[in-house]
PDB file of all heavy atoms in Angstrom:
ATOM      1  N   ASP A   1      48.503 136.773 221.392  1.00  0.00           N
ATOM      2  CA  ASP A   1      47.797 136.444 220.096  1.00  0.00           C
ATOM      3  C   ASP A   1      47.986 137.507 219.094  1.00  0.00           C
ATOM      4  O   ASP A   1      48.098 137.360 217.811  1.00  0.00           O
ATOM      5  CB  ASP A   1      46.493 136.046 220.393  1.00  0.00           C
ATOM      6  CG  ASP A   1      46.237 134.640 220.772  1.00  0.00           C
ATOM      7  OD1 ASP A   1      47.249 133.916 220.711  1.00  0.00           O
ATOM      8  OD2 ASP A   1      45.201 134.262 221.321  1.00  0.00           O
ATOM      9  N   ASP A   2      47.909 138.846 219.492  1.00  0.00           N
ATOM     10  CA  ASP A   2      47.888 139.909 218.513  1.00  0.00           C
ATOM     11  C   ASP A   2      49.301 140.001 217.922  1.00  0.00           C
ATOM     12  O   ASP A   2      49.369 140.498 216.819  1.00  0.00           O
ATOM     13  CB  ASP A   2      47.510 141.237 219.309  1.00  0.00           C
ATOM     14  CG  ASP A   2      46.180 141.231 219.849  1.00  0.00           C
ATOM     15  OD1 ASP A   2      45.322 140.379 219.345  1.00  0.00           O
ATOM     16  OD2 ASP A   2      45.930 141.886 220.857  1.00  0.00           O
ATOM     17  N   ASN A   3      50.346 139.522 218.548  1.00  0.00           N
ATOM     18  CA  ASN A   3      51.693 139.738 217.957  1.00  0.00           C
ATOM     19  C   ASN A   3      52.221 138.567 217.160  1.00  0.00           C
ATOM     20  O   ASN A   3      53.266 138.737 216.558  1.00  0.00           O
ATOM     21  CB  ASN A   3      52.642 139.985 219.151  1.00  0.00           C
ATOM     22  CG  ASN A   3      52.410 141.154 219.968  1.00  0.00           C
ATOM     23  OD1 ASN A   3      51.825 142.151 219.510  1.00  0.00           O
ATOM     24  ND2 ASN A   3      52.679 141.184 221.238  1.00  0.00           N
ATOM     25  N   VAL A   4      51.409 137.514 217.120  1.00  0.00           N
ATOM     26  CA  VAL A   4      51.877 136.307 216.421  1.00  0.00           C
ATOM     27  C   VAL A   4      51.263 136.341 215.005  1.00  0.00           C
ATOM     28  O   VAL A   4      50.155 136.641 214.743  1.00  0.00           O
ATOM     29  CB  VAL A   4      51.313 135.015 217.086  1.00  0.00           C
ATOM     30  CG1 VAL A   4      51.684 133.794 216.345  1.00  0.00           C
ATOM     31  CG2 VAL A   4      51.909 135.061 218.511  1.00  0.00           C
ATOM     32  N   LYS A   5      52.195 136.145 214.011  1.00  0.00           N
ATOM     33  CA  LYS A   5      51.781 136.195 212.619  1.00  0.00           C
ATOM     34  C   LYS A   5      51.183 134.863 212.106  1.00  0.00           C
ATOM     35  O   LYS A   5      50.185 134.836 211.436  1.00  0.00           O
ATOM     36  CB  LYS A   5      53.020 136.543 211.694  1.00  0.00           C
ATOM     37  CG  LYS A   5      53.541 137.920 211.882  1.00  0.00           C
ATOM     38  CD  LYS A   5      54.677 138.113 210.863  1.00  0.00           C
ATOM     39  CE  LYS A   5      55.154 139.463 210.989  1.00  0.00           C
ATOM     40  NZ  LYS A   5      56.305 139.779 210.080  1.00  0.00           N
ATOM     41  N   CYS A   6      51.734 133.720 212.559  1.00  0.00           N
ATOM     42  CA  CYS A   6      51.348 132.477 212.169  1.00  0.00           C
ATOM     43  C   CYS A   6      51.131 131.608 213.426  1.00  0.00           C
ATOM     44  O   CYS A   6      52.129 131.297 214.054  1.00  0.00           O
ATOM     45  CB  CYS A   6      52.384 131.776 211.259  1.00  0.00           C
ATOM     46  SG  CYS A   6      51.785 130.249 210.553  1.00  0.00           S
ATOM     47  N   HIS A   7      49.820 131.339 213.763  1.00  0.00           N
ATOM     48  CA  HIS A   7      49.637 130.552 214.926  1.00  0.00           C
ATOM     49  C   HIS A   7      49.866 129.015 214.729  1.00  0.00           C
ATOM     50  O   HIS A   7      49.726 128.510 213.663  1.00  0.00           O
ATOM     51  CB  HIS A   7      48.162 130.716 215.407  1.00  0.00           C
ATOM     52  CG  HIS A   7      47.795 132.031 215.777  1.00  0.00           C
ATOM     53  ND1 HIS A   7      48.097 132.522 217.037  1.00  0.00           N
ATOM     54  CD2 HIS A   7      47.211 133.041 215.171  1.00  0.00           C
ATOM     55  CE1 HIS A   7      47.772 133.741 217.154  1.00  0.00           C
ATOM     56  NE2 HIS A   7      47.190 134.119 216.118  1.00  0.00           N
ATOM     57  N   CYS A   8      50.230 128.365 215.848  1.00  0.00           N
ATOM     58  CA  CYS A   8      50.501 126.876 215.679  1.00  0.00           C
ATOM     59  C   CYS A   8      49.076 126.154 215.574  1.00  0.00           C
ATOM     60  O   CYS A   8      48.167 126.803 216.060  1.00  0.00           O
ATOM     61  CB  CYS A   8      51.091 126.342 216.951  1.00  0.00           C
ATOM     62  SG  CYS A   8      52.767 126.943 217.254  1.00  0.00           S
ATOM     63  N   PRO A   9      49.056 125.134 214.871  1.00  0.00           N
ATOM     64  CA  PRO A   9      47.731 124.519 214.614  1.00  0.00           C
ATOM     65  C   PRO A   9      47.218 123.957 215.981  1.00  0.00           C
ATOM     66  O   PRO A   9      47.954 123.523 216.836  1.00  0.00           O
ATOM     67  CB  PRO A   9      48.047 123.374 213.661  1.00  0.00           C
ATOM     68  CG  PRO A   9      49.428 123.138 213.779  1.00  0.00           C
ATOM     69  CD  PRO A   9      50.050 124.412 214.112  1.00  0.00           C
ATOM     70  N   GLU A  10      45.938 123.967 216.120  1.00  0.00           N
ATOM     71  CA  GLU A  10      45.294 123.398 217.359  1.00  0.00           C
ATOM     72  C   GLU A  10      45.319 121.866 217.337  1.00  0.00           C
ATOM     73  O   GLU A  10      44.824 121.355 216.335  1.00  0.00           O
ATOM     74  CB  GLU A  10      43.794 123.901 217.495  1.00  0.00           C
ATOM     75  CG  GLU A  10      43.049 123.450 218.721  1.00  0.00           C
ATOM     76  CD  GLU A  10      43.701 123.864 219.989  1.00  0.00           C
ATOM     77  OE1 GLU A  10      43.789 125.137 220.212  1.00  0.00           O
ATOM     78  OE2 GLU A  10      44.114 123.022 220.777  1.00  0.00           O
ATOM     79  N   THR A  11      45.930 121.305 218.307  1.00  0.00           N
ATOM     80  CA  THR A  11      45.972 119.783 218.316  1.00  0.00           C
ATOM     81  C   THR A  11      45.060 119.246 219.310  1.00  0.00           C
ATOM     82  O   THR A  11      44.826 117.948 219.320  1.00  0.00           O
ATOM     83  CB  THR A  11      47.441 119.313 218.649  1.00  0.00           C
ATOM     84  OG1 THR A  11      47.835 119.934 219.799  1.00  0.00           O
ATOM     85  CG2 THR A  11      48.398 119.839 217.599  1.00  0.00           C
ATOM     86  N   ARG A  12      44.600 120.098 220.318  1.00  0.00           N
ATOM     87  CA  ARG A  12      43.773 119.543 221.384  1.00  0.00           C
ATOM     88  C   ARG A  12      42.241 119.734 221.077  1.00  0.00           C
ATOM     89  O   ARG A  12      41.917 120.753 220.508  1.00  0.00           O
ATOM     90  CB  ARG A  12      44.083 120.095 222.709  1.00  0.00           C
ATOM     91  CG  ARG A  12      45.566 119.670 223.071  1.00  0.00           C
ATOM     92  CD  ARG A  12      45.841 120.154 224.486  1.00  0.00           C
ATOM     93  NE  ARG A  12      46.004 121.524 224.559  1.00  0.00           N
ATOM     94  CZ  ARG A  12      46.122 122.234 225.682  1.00  0.00           C
ATOM     95  NH1 ARG A  12      45.932 121.530 226.833  1.00  0.00           N
ATOM     96  NH2 ARG A  12      46.319 123.537 225.667  1.00  0.00           N
ATOM     97  N   CYS A  13      41.409 118.757 221.355  1.00  0.00           N
ATOM     98  CA  CYS A  13      39.994 118.875 221.025  1.00  0.00           C
ATOM     99  C   CYS A  13      39.104 118.437 222.196  1.00  0.00           C
ATOM    100  O   CYS A  13      37.940 118.143 221.946  1.00  0.00           O
ATOM    101  CB  CYS A  13      39.720 117.972 219.823  1.00  0.00           C
ATOM    102  SG  CYS A  13      40.086 116.372 219.928  1.00  0.00           S
ATOM    103  N   GLY A  14      39.526 118.394 223.446  1.00  0.00           N
ATOM    104  CA  GLY A  14      38.697 118.062 224.512  1.00  0.00           C
ATOM    105  C   GLY A  14      38.460 116.550 224.805  1.00  0.00           C
ATOM    106  O   GLY A  14      37.347 116.146 225.135  1.00  0.00           O
ATOM    107  N   CYS A  15      39.447 115.756 224.357  1.00  0.00           N
ATOM    108  CA  CYS A  15      39.285 114.274 224.491  1.00  0.00           C
ATOM    109  C   CYS A  15      39.114 113.862 225.987  1.00  0.00           C
ATOM    110  O   CYS A  15      39.712 114.505 226.840  1.00  0.00           O
ATOM    111  CB  CYS A  15      40.441 113.619 223.838  1.00  0.00           C
ATOM    112  SG  CYS A  15      40.258 111.774 223.801  1.00  0.00           S
ATOM    113  N   LEU A  16      38.296 112.873 226.172  1.00  0.00           N
ATOM    114  CA  LEU A  16      38.128 112.489 227.630  1.00  0.00           C
ATOM    115  C   LEU A  16      38.866 111.257 228.063  1.00  0.00           C
ATOM    116  O   LEU A  16      38.837 110.880 229.192  1.00  0.00           O
ATOM    117  CB  LEU A  16      36.583 112.169 227.748  1.00  0.00           C
ATOM    118  CG  LEU A  16      35.610 113.303 227.366  1.00  0.00           C
ATOM    119  CD1 LEU A  16      34.233 112.864 227.360  1.00  0.00           C
ATOM    120  CD2 LEU A  16      35.834 114.512 228.228  1.00  0.00           C
ATOM    121  N   GLU A  17      39.737 110.615 227.244  1.00  0.00           N
ATOM    122  CA  GLU A  17      40.353 109.479 227.497  1.00  0.00           C
ATOM    123  C   GLU A  17      41.391 109.770 228.641  1.00  0.00           C
ATOM    124  O   GLU A  17      42.176 110.597 228.549  1.00  0.00           O
ATOM    125  CB  GLU A  17      41.129 108.892 226.331  1.00  0.00           C
ATOM    126  CG  GLU A  17      42.150 107.900 226.538  1.00  0.00           C
ATOM    127  CD  GLU A  17      41.481 106.439 226.566  1.00  0.00           C
ATOM    128  OE1 GLU A  17      40.545 106.214 225.836  1.00  0.00           O
ATOM    129  OE2 GLU A  17      42.061 105.718 227.348  1.00  0.00           O
ATOM    130  N   GLU A  18      41.406 108.865 229.685  1.00  0.00           N
ATOM    131  CA  GLU A  18      42.327 109.063 230.714  1.00  0.00           C
ATOM    132  C   GLU A  18      42.452 107.831 231.552  1.00  0.00           C
ATOM    133  O   GLU A  18      41.649 106.976 231.598  1.00  0.00           O
ATOM    134  CB  GLU A  18      42.137 110.214 231.721  1.00  0.00           C
ATOM    135  CG  GLU A  18      40.884 110.038 232.569  1.00  0.00           C
ATOM    136  CD  GLU A  18      40.805 111.308 233.555  1.00  0.00           C
ATOM    137  OE1 GLU A  18      41.432 112.329 233.303  1.00  0.00           O
ATOM    138  OE2 GLU A  18      39.849 111.037 234.398  1.00  0.00           O
ATOM    139  N   MET A  19      43.699 107.716 232.321  1.00  0.00           N
ATOM    140  CA  MET A  19      43.885 106.564 233.153  1.00  0.00           C
ATOM    141  C   MET A  19      44.515 107.212 234.481  1.00  0.00           C
ATOM    142  O   MET A  19      45.513 107.934 234.325  1.00  0.00           O
ATOM    143  CB  MET A  19      44.847 105.489 232.612  1.00  0.00           C
ATOM    144  CG  MET A  19      45.042 104.342 233.666  1.00  0.00           C
ATOM    145  SD  MET A  19      46.205 103.130 233.020  1.00  0.00           S
ATOM    146  CE  MET A  19      47.781 103.983 233.445  1.00  0.00           C
ATOM    147  N   LYS A  20      43.913 106.937 235.591  1.00  0.00           N
ATOM    148  CA  LYS A  20      44.471 107.459 236.862  1.00  0.00           C
ATOM    149  C   LYS A  20      45.057 106.258 237.771  1.00  0.00           C
ATOM    150  O   LYS A  20      44.308 105.291 237.837  1.00  0.00           O
ATOM    151  CB  LYS A  20      43.432 108.174 237.660  1.00  0.00           C
ATOM    152  CG  LYS A  20      43.951 108.848 238.873  1.00  0.00           C
ATOM    153  CD  LYS A  20      42.843 109.646 239.620  1.00  0.00           C
ATOM    154  CE  LYS A  20      43.437 110.364 240.827  1.00  0.00           C
ATOM    155  NZ  LYS A  20      42.446 111.142 241.534  1.00  0.00           N
ATOM    156  N   ILE A  21      46.213 106.548 238.279  1.00  0.00           N
ATOM    157  CA  ILE A  21      46.881 105.410 239.074  1.00  0.00           C
ATOM    158  C   ILE A  21      47.024 106.035 240.513  1.00  0.00           C
ATOM    159  O   ILE A  21      47.096 107.348 240.686  1.00  0.00           O
ATOM    160  CB  ILE A  21      48.232 104.916 238.594  1.00  0.00           C
ATOM    161  CG1 ILE A  21      49.227 106.122 238.369  1.00  0.00           C
ATOM    162  CG2 ILE A  21      48.011 104.141 237.373  1.00  0.00           C
ATOM    163  CD1 ILE A  21      50.604 105.652 238.055  1.00  0.00           C
ATOM    164  N   ASN A  22      47.045 105.261 241.550  1.00  0.00           N
ATOM    165  CA  ASN A  22      47.115 105.759 242.850  1.00  0.00           C
ATOM    166  C   ASN A  22      47.873 104.744 243.772  1.00  0.00           C
ATOM    167  O   ASN A  22      47.710 103.543 243.601  1.00  0.00           O
ATOM    168  CB  ASN A  22      45.717 105.927 243.424  1.00  0.00           C
ATOM    169  CG  ASN A  22      45.616 106.603 244.742  1.00  0.00           C
ATOM    170  OD1 ASN A  22      46.627 106.585 245.571  1.00  0.00           O
ATOM    171  ND2 ASN A  22      44.468 107.255 244.941  1.00  0.00           N
ATOM    172  N   CYS A  23      48.687 105.191 244.692  1.00  0.00           N
ATOM    173  CA  CYS A  23      49.425 104.307 245.638  1.00  0.00           C
ATOM    174  C   CYS A  23      49.373 104.816 247.036  1.00  0.00           C
ATOM    175  O   CYS A  23      50.122 104.605 247.881  1.00  0.00           O
ATOM    176  CB  CYS A  23      50.899 104.064 245.164  1.00  0.00           C
ATOM    177  SG  CYS A  23      51.879 105.413 245.614  1.00  0.00           S
ATOM    178  N   ARG A  24      48.257 105.612 247.329  1.00  0.00           N
ATOM    179  CA  ARG A  24      48.143 106.036 248.719  1.00  0.00           C
ATOM    180  C   ARG A  24      47.762 104.980 249.705  1.00  0.00           C
ATOM    181  O   ARG A  24      48.128 105.044 250.925  1.00  0.00           O
ATOM    182  CB  ARG A  24      46.929 107.028 248.701  1.00  0.00           C
ATOM    183  CG  ARG A  24      47.171 108.265 247.884  1.00  0.00           C
ATOM    184  CD  ARG A  24      46.061 109.223 248.052  1.00  0.00           C
ATOM    185  NE  ARG A  24      46.304 110.384 247.115  1.00  0.00           N
ATOM    186  CZ  ARG A  24      46.726 111.561 247.498  1.00  0.00           C
ATOM    187  NH1 ARG A  24      47.039 111.778 248.688  1.00  0.00           N
ATOM    188  NH2 ARG A  24      46.801 112.491 246.587  1.00  0.00           N
ATOM    189  N   TYR A  25      47.122 103.931 249.327  1.00  0.00           N
ATOM    190  CA  TYR A  25      46.724 102.825 250.366  1.00  0.00           C
ATOM    191  C   TYR A  25      47.565 101.569 250.155  1.00  0.00           C
ATOM    192  O   TYR A  25      47.307 100.568 250.961  1.00  0.00           O
ATOM    193  CB  TYR A  25      45.274 102.593 250.114  1.00  0.00           C
ATOM    194  CG  TYR A  25      44.453 103.891 250.093  1.00  0.00           C
ATOM    195  CD1 TYR A  25      43.850 104.347 248.990  1.00  0.00           C
ATOM    196  CD2 TYR A  25      44.368 104.548 251.232  1.00  0.00           C
ATOM    197  CE1 TYR A  25      43.148 105.544 248.949  1.00  0.00           C
ATOM    198  CE2 TYR A  25      43.620 105.742 251.309  1.00  0.00           C
ATOM    199  CZ  TYR A  25      43.001 106.170 250.154  1.00  0.00           C
ATOM    200  OH  TYR A  25      42.288 107.348 250.184  1.00  0.00           O
ATOM    201  N   SER A  26      48.399 101.477 249.315  1.00  0.00           N
ATOM    202  CA  SER A  26      49.276 100.257 249.093  1.00  0.00           C
ATOM    203  C   SER A  26      50.681 100.622 248.606  1.00  0.00           C
ATOM    204  O   SER A  26      50.901 101.881 248.182  1.00  0.00           O
ATOM    205  CB  SER A  26      48.555  99.180 248.140  1.00  0.00           C
ATOM    206  OG  SER A  26      48.665  99.743 246.844  1.00  0.00           O
ATOM    207  N   GLU A  27      51.534  99.738 248.522  1.00  0.00           N
ATOM    208  CA  GLU A  27      52.843  99.942 248.011  1.00  0.00           C
ATOM    209  C   GLU A  27      52.988 100.038 246.467  1.00  0.00           C
ATOM    210  O   GLU A  27      53.878 100.650 245.992  1.00  0.00           O
ATOM    211  CB  GLU A  27      53.953  98.887 248.521  1.00  0.00           C
ATOM    212  CG  GLU A  27      54.033  98.817 250.030  1.00  0.00           C
ATOM    213  CD  GLU A  27      54.598 100.146 250.537  1.00  0.00           C
ATOM    214  OE1 GLU A  27      55.552 100.723 249.992  1.00  0.00           O
ATOM    215  OE2 GLU A  27      54.080 100.599 251.579  1.00  0.00           O
TER     216      GLU A  27
END
């Protein structure tokens, strides 16, 4: 961070949206 002149804008804000898929018990 100390060596960077212009930081990239922050795009993440801690959003909680997600979908989890699983195929451990079926095909």
